[in-house]
Amino acid sequence: MDTTDISKGCIVESVAGRDKGHIFFVLDTVGDYALLIDGKIRRIENPKNKKIKHVRFLARREDIRVYSKIAAGIRPDNAEIRKALVLFANSDKESS
């Protein structure tokens, strides 16, 4: 997938910077930047502003409740975000 496919609710991985290798949800995109949240280090109250070229698209999971909330413009809880990312990471490891 291309960086143009990155939009609200997508799951991405950081490929540059101190947070390299971390998995995030995209809260929103603003120009060439994405607002990233993981519910732990980057909470919903203080999202990470990162250039889109420095993240890699992993998935768009419509079956995850957090995706639905972000797409609808509803702020998910930090606990929901953490749980969804852990479930995604575990399912990704099982499929590998």
N, C-alpha and C. Protein backbone atom coordinates (compact mmCIF):
# COMPACT_ATOMS: atom_id res chain seq x y z
N MET A 1 0.83 -1.18 0.00
CA MET A 1 0.00 0.00 0.00
C MET A 1 0.88 1.25 0.00
N ASP A 2 0.32 2.31 -0.49
CA ASP A 2 1.01 3.58 -0.62
C ASP A 2 0.70 4.47 0.60
N THR A 3 1.51 5.50 0.79
CA THR A 3 1.25 6.41 1.89
C THR A 3 -0.05 7.18 1.71
N THR A 4 -0.56 7.26 0.50
CA THR A 4 -1.84 7.93 0.28
C THR A 4 -3.00 7.12 0.83
N ASP A 5 -2.77 5.85 1.14
CA ASP A 5 -3.82 5.00 1.70
C ASP A 5 -3.99 5.20 3.19
N ILE A 6 -3.11 5.96 3.81
CA ILE A 6 -3.17 6.19 5.25
C ILE A 6 -4.25 7.23 5.53
N SER A 7 -5.22 6.82 6.36
CA SER A 7 -6.33 7.71 6.69
C SER A 7 -6.78 7.41 8.12
N LYS A 8 -7.83 8.09 8.55
CA LYS A 8 -8.36 7.91 9.91
C LYS A 8 -8.61 6.44 10.22
N GLY A 9 -8.17 6.01 11.39
CA GLY A 9 -8.46 4.66 11.86
C GLY A 9 -7.50 3.59 11.40
N CYS A 10 -6.60 3.89 10.48
CA CYS A 10 -5.63 2.89 10.02
C CYS A 10 -4.64 2.56 11.12
N ILE A 11 -4.08 1.38 11.03
CA ILE A 11 -3.01 0.97 11.93
C ILE A 11 -1.72 1.10 11.15
N VAL A 12 -0.75 1.82 11.73
CA VAL A 12 0.53 2.07 11.07
C VAL A 12 1.68 1.75 12.02
N GLU A 13 2.86 1.59 11.42
CA GLU A 13 4.08 1.36 12.19
C GLU A 13 5.04 2.50 11.88
N SER A 14 5.67 3.02 12.91
CA SER A 14 6.66 4.07 12.73
C SER A 14 7.93 3.46 12.15
N VAL A 15 8.49 4.08 11.11
CA VAL A 15 9.72 3.57 10.49
C VAL A 15 10.90 4.49 10.70
N ALA A 16 10.70 5.60 11.42
CA ALA A 16 11.79 6.54 11.66
C ALA A 16 11.57 7.25 13.00
N GLY A 17 12.67 7.63 13.62
CA GLY A 17 12.59 8.37 14.87
C GLY A 17 12.73 7.48 16.09
N ARG A 18 12.58 8.09 17.27
CA ARG A 18 12.73 7.35 18.53
C ARG A 18 11.67 6.28 18.71
N ASP A 19 10.52 6.47 18.08
CA ASP A 19 9.43 5.51 18.21
C ASP A 19 9.42 4.46 17.10
N LYS A 20 10.54 4.30 16.42
CA LYS A 20 10.65 3.34 15.32
C LYS A 20 10.24 1.95 15.79
N GLY A 21 9.36 1.30 15.02
CA GLY A 21 8.88 -0.03 15.35
C GLY A 21 7.61 -0.05 16.17
N HIS A 22 7.16 1.08 16.69
CA HIS A 22 5.94 1.15 17.48
C HIS A 22 4.72 1.16 16.55
N ILE A 23 3.64 0.59 17.03
CA ILE A 23 2.39 0.52 16.27
C ILE A 23 1.42 1.57 16.82
N PHE A 24 0.74 2.27 15.91
CA PHE A 24 -0.17 3.34 16.29
C PHE A 24 -1.46 3.26 15.47
N PHE A 25 -2.52 3.89 16.00
CA PHE A 25 -3.71 4.20 15.21
C PHE A 25 -3.53 5.61 14.68
N VAL A 26 -4.06 5.87 13.49
CA VAL A 26 -4.07 7.22 12.93
C VAL A 26 -5.36 7.88 13.39
N LEU A 27 -5.22 8.93 14.19
CA LEU A 27 -6.38 9.67 14.68
C LEU A 27 -6.93 10.58 13.59
N ASP A 28 -6.03 11.18 12.83
CA ASP A 28 -6.43 12.09 11.74
C ASP A 28 -5.20 12.37 10.87
N THR A 29 -5.44 12.89 9.70
CA THR A 29 -4.34 13.33 8.84
C THR A 29 -4.54 14.81 8.54
N VAL A 30 -3.42 15.55 8.53
CA VAL A 30 -3.45 16.98 8.25
C VAL A 30 -2.31 17.26 7.28
N GLY A 31 -2.64 17.42 6.01
CA GLY A 31 -1.61 17.63 5.00
C GLY A 31 -0.69 16.43 4.89
N ASP A 32 0.61 16.65 5.08
CA ASP A 32 1.60 15.57 5.02
C ASP A 32 1.84 14.92 6.36
N TYR A 33 1.03 15.23 7.35
CA TYR A 33 1.22 14.72 8.70
C TYR A 33 0.06 13.84 9.14
N ALA A 34 0.38 12.91 10.03
CA ALA A 34 -0.64 12.05 10.64
C ALA A 34 -0.56 12.24 12.15
N LEU A 35 -1.71 12.26 12.80
CA LEU A 35 -1.77 12.31 14.25
C LEU A 35 -1.90 10.88 14.75
N LEU A 36 -0.89 10.43 15.50
CA LEU A 36 -0.80 9.04 15.91
C LEU A 36 -1.09 8.88 17.40
N ILE A 37 -1.79 7.79 17.74
CA ILE A 37 -2.10 7.48 19.13
C ILE A 37 -1.86 6.00 19.39
N ASP A 38 -1.40 5.68 20.60
CA ASP A 38 -1.27 4.29 20.99
C ASP A 38 -1.91 4.01 22.34
N GLY A 39 -2.42 5.04 23.00
CA GLY A 39 -3.12 4.86 24.27
C GLY A 39 -2.20 4.73 25.47
N LYS A 40 -0.90 4.63 25.24
CA LYS A 40 0.04 4.45 26.34
C LYS A 40 1.00 5.64 26.38
N ILE A 41 1.93 5.70 25.46
CA ILE A 41 2.87 6.82 25.40
C ILE A 41 2.21 8.01 24.73
N ARG A 42 1.55 7.77 23.62
CA ARG A 42 0.83 8.81 22.90
C ARG A 42 -0.66 8.60 23.12
N ARG A 43 -1.16 9.30 24.11
CA ARG A 43 -2.56 9.18 24.50
C ARG A 43 -3.44 10.03 23.60
N ILE A 44 -4.73 9.82 23.68
CA ILE A 44 -5.70 10.54 22.85
C ILE A 44 -5.63 12.05 23.12
N GLU A 45 -5.24 12.44 24.33
CA GLU A 45 -5.16 13.85 24.68
C GLU A 45 -3.95 14.54 24.07
N ASN A 46 -2.92 13.77 23.70
CA ASN A 46 -1.67 14.34 23.19
C ASN A 46 -1.12 13.46 22.05
N PRO A 47 -1.75 13.49 20.87
CA PRO A 47 -1.29 12.63 19.77
C PRO A 47 0.06 13.07 19.21
N LYS A 48 0.77 12.12 18.62
CA LYS A 48 2.06 12.38 17.99
C LYS A 48 1.81 12.91 16.58
N ASN A 49 2.43 14.03 16.25
CA ASN A 49 2.32 14.62 14.92
C ASN A 49 3.54 14.14 14.13
N LYS A 50 3.35 13.24 13.15
CA LYS A 50 4.46 12.62 12.43
C LYS A 50 4.20 12.68 10.93
N LYS A 51 5.27 12.91 10.17
CA LYS A 51 5.13 12.94 8.71
C LYS A 51 4.67 11.56 8.21
N ILE A 52 3.77 11.58 7.26
CA ILE A 52 3.23 10.34 6.72
C ILE A 52 4.32 9.48 6.08
N LYS A 53 5.33 10.11 5.51
CA LYS A 53 6.40 9.33 4.87
C LYS A 53 7.23 8.56 5.89
N HIS A 54 7.07 8.85 7.18
CA HIS A 54 7.81 8.16 8.23
C HIS A 54 7.01 7.06 8.91
N VAL A 55 5.86 6.71 8.34
CA VAL A 55 5.06 5.59 8.86
C VAL A 55 4.76 4.61 7.73
N ARG A 56 4.53 3.37 8.12
CA ARG A 56 4.21 2.32 7.15
C ARG A 56 2.82 1.79 7.45
N PHE A 57 1.98 1.73 6.43
CA PHE A 57 0.62 1.21 6.56
C PHE A 57 0.67 -0.27 6.92
N LEU A 58 -0.09 -0.67 7.95
CA LEU A 58 -0.18 -2.08 8.32
C LEU A 58 -1.54 -2.67 8.01
N ALA A 59 -2.61 -1.97 8.43
CA ALA A 59 -3.94 -2.54 8.23
C ALA A 59 -5.02 -1.49 8.37
N ARG A 60 -6.15 -1.80 7.79
CA ARG A 60 -7.38 -1.04 8.02
C ARG A 60 -8.38 -2.08 8.49
N ARG A 61 -8.65 -2.08 9.78
CA ARG A 61 -9.49 -3.13 10.38
C ARG A 61 -10.84 -2.55 10.79
N GLU A 62 -11.80 -2.67 9.90
CA GLU A 62 -13.14 -2.16 10.19
C GLU A 62 -13.83 -2.93 11.30
N ASP A 63 -13.35 -4.14 11.60
CA ASP A 63 -13.97 -4.95 12.64
C ASP A 63 -13.56 -4.53 14.05
N ILE A 64 -12.60 -3.66 14.18
CA ILE A 64 -12.16 -3.18 15.48
C ILE A 64 -13.00 -1.96 15.88
N ARG A 65 -13.49 -1.95 17.10
CA ARG A 65 -14.36 -0.88 17.58
C ARG A 65 -13.66 0.49 17.54
N VAL A 66 -12.37 0.53 17.82
CA VAL A 66 -11.63 1.79 17.81
C VAL A 66 -11.67 2.41 16.42
N TYR A 67 -11.52 1.59 15.37
CA TYR A 67 -11.60 2.10 14.00
C TYR A 67 -12.95 2.77 13.77
N SER A 68 -14.01 2.11 14.18
CA SER A 68 -15.35 2.65 13.99
C SER A 68 -15.53 3.98 14.70
N LYS A 69 -15.02 4.07 15.92
CA LYS A 69 -15.15 5.32 16.68
C LYS A 69 -14.36 6.44 16.03
N ILE A 70 -13.12 6.17 15.63
CA ILE A 70 -12.29 7.21 15.01
C ILE A 70 -12.92 7.66 13.69
N ALA A 71 -13.40 6.72 12.89
CA ALA A 71 -14.01 7.05 11.61
C ALA A 71 -15.27 7.90 11.80
N ALA A 72 -15.99 7.66 12.90
CA ALA A 72 -17.22 8.41 13.18
C ALA A 72 -16.94 9.74 13.88
N GLY A 73 -15.69 9.98 14.25
CA GLY A 73 -15.35 11.23 14.93
C GLY A 73 -15.54 11.18 16.43
N ILE A 74 -15.69 9.98 16.98
CA ILE A 74 -15.86 9.79 18.42
C ILE A 74 -14.49 9.46 19.02
N ARG A 75 -14.18 10.08 20.16
CA ARG A 75 -12.88 9.83 20.81
C ARG A 75 -12.93 8.53 21.60
N PRO A 76 -12.12 7.54 21.21
CA PRO A 76 -12.07 6.29 21.99
C PRO A 76 -11.27 6.48 23.28
N ASP A 77 -11.47 5.59 24.23
CA ASP A 77 -10.70 5.62 25.48
C ASP A 77 -9.30 5.09 25.22
N ASN A 78 -8.34 5.55 26.03
CA ASN A 78 -6.96 5.08 25.90
C ASN A 78 -6.87 3.57 26.14
N ALA A 79 -7.67 3.06 27.07
CA ALA A 79 -7.66 1.62 27.35
C ALA A 79 -8.13 0.82 26.13
N GLU A 80 -9.16 1.31 25.45
CA GLU A 80 -9.64 0.65 24.24
C GLU A 80 -8.56 0.61 23.16
N ILE A 81 -7.85 1.72 23.03
CA ILE A 81 -6.79 1.81 22.02
C ILE A 81 -5.69 0.79 22.32
N ARG A 82 -5.25 0.74 23.59
CA ARG A 82 -4.19 -0.20 23.98
C ARG A 82 -4.62 -1.64 23.72
N LYS A 83 -5.83 -1.99 24.12
CA LYS A 83 -6.33 -3.36 23.94
C LYS A 83 -6.40 -3.73 22.46
N ALA A 84 -6.89 -2.82 21.64
CA ALA A 84 -7.02 -3.09 20.21
C ALA A 84 -5.65 -3.30 19.56
N LEU A 85 -4.66 -2.50 19.96
CA LEU A 85 -3.33 -2.65 19.38
C LEU A 85 -2.66 -3.94 19.84
N VAL A 86 -2.89 -4.34 21.09
CA VAL A 86 -2.35 -5.62 21.58
C VAL A 86 -2.99 -6.78 20.83
N LEU A 87 -4.30 -6.73 20.65
CA LEU A 87 -4.98 -7.79 19.90
C LEU A 87 -4.49 -7.85 18.46
N PHE A 88 -4.29 -6.69 17.84
CA PHE A 88 -3.78 -6.65 16.48
C PHE A 88 -2.38 -7.25 16.41
N ALA A 89 -1.51 -6.85 17.33
CA ALA A 89 -0.13 -7.36 17.34
C ALA A 89 -0.10 -8.87 17.54
N ASN A 90 -0.95 -9.37 18.44
CA ASN A 90 -1.00 -10.81 18.68
C ASN A 90 -1.55 -11.57 17.50
N SER A 91 -2.56 -11.05 16.83
CA SER A 91 -3.12 -11.72 15.66
C SER A 91 -2.14 -11.68 14.49
N ASP A 92 -1.35 -10.61 14.41
CA ASP A 92 -0.36 -10.49 13.35
C ASP A 92 0.76 -11.50 13.56
N LYS A 93 1.16 -11.75 14.81
CA LYS A 93 2.22 -12.72 15.11
C LYS A 93 1.75 -14.14 14.80
N GLU A 94 0.47 -14.41 15.10
CA GLU A 94 -0.08 -15.75 14.85
C GLU A 94 -0.16 -16.06 13.36
N SER A 95 -0.44 -15.04 12.54
CA SER A 95 -0.58 -15.27 11.10
C SER A 95 0.78 -15.38 10.41
N SER A 96 1.86 -14.96 11.10
CA SER A 96 3.18 -15.03 10.48
C SER A 96 3.77 -16.40 10.56
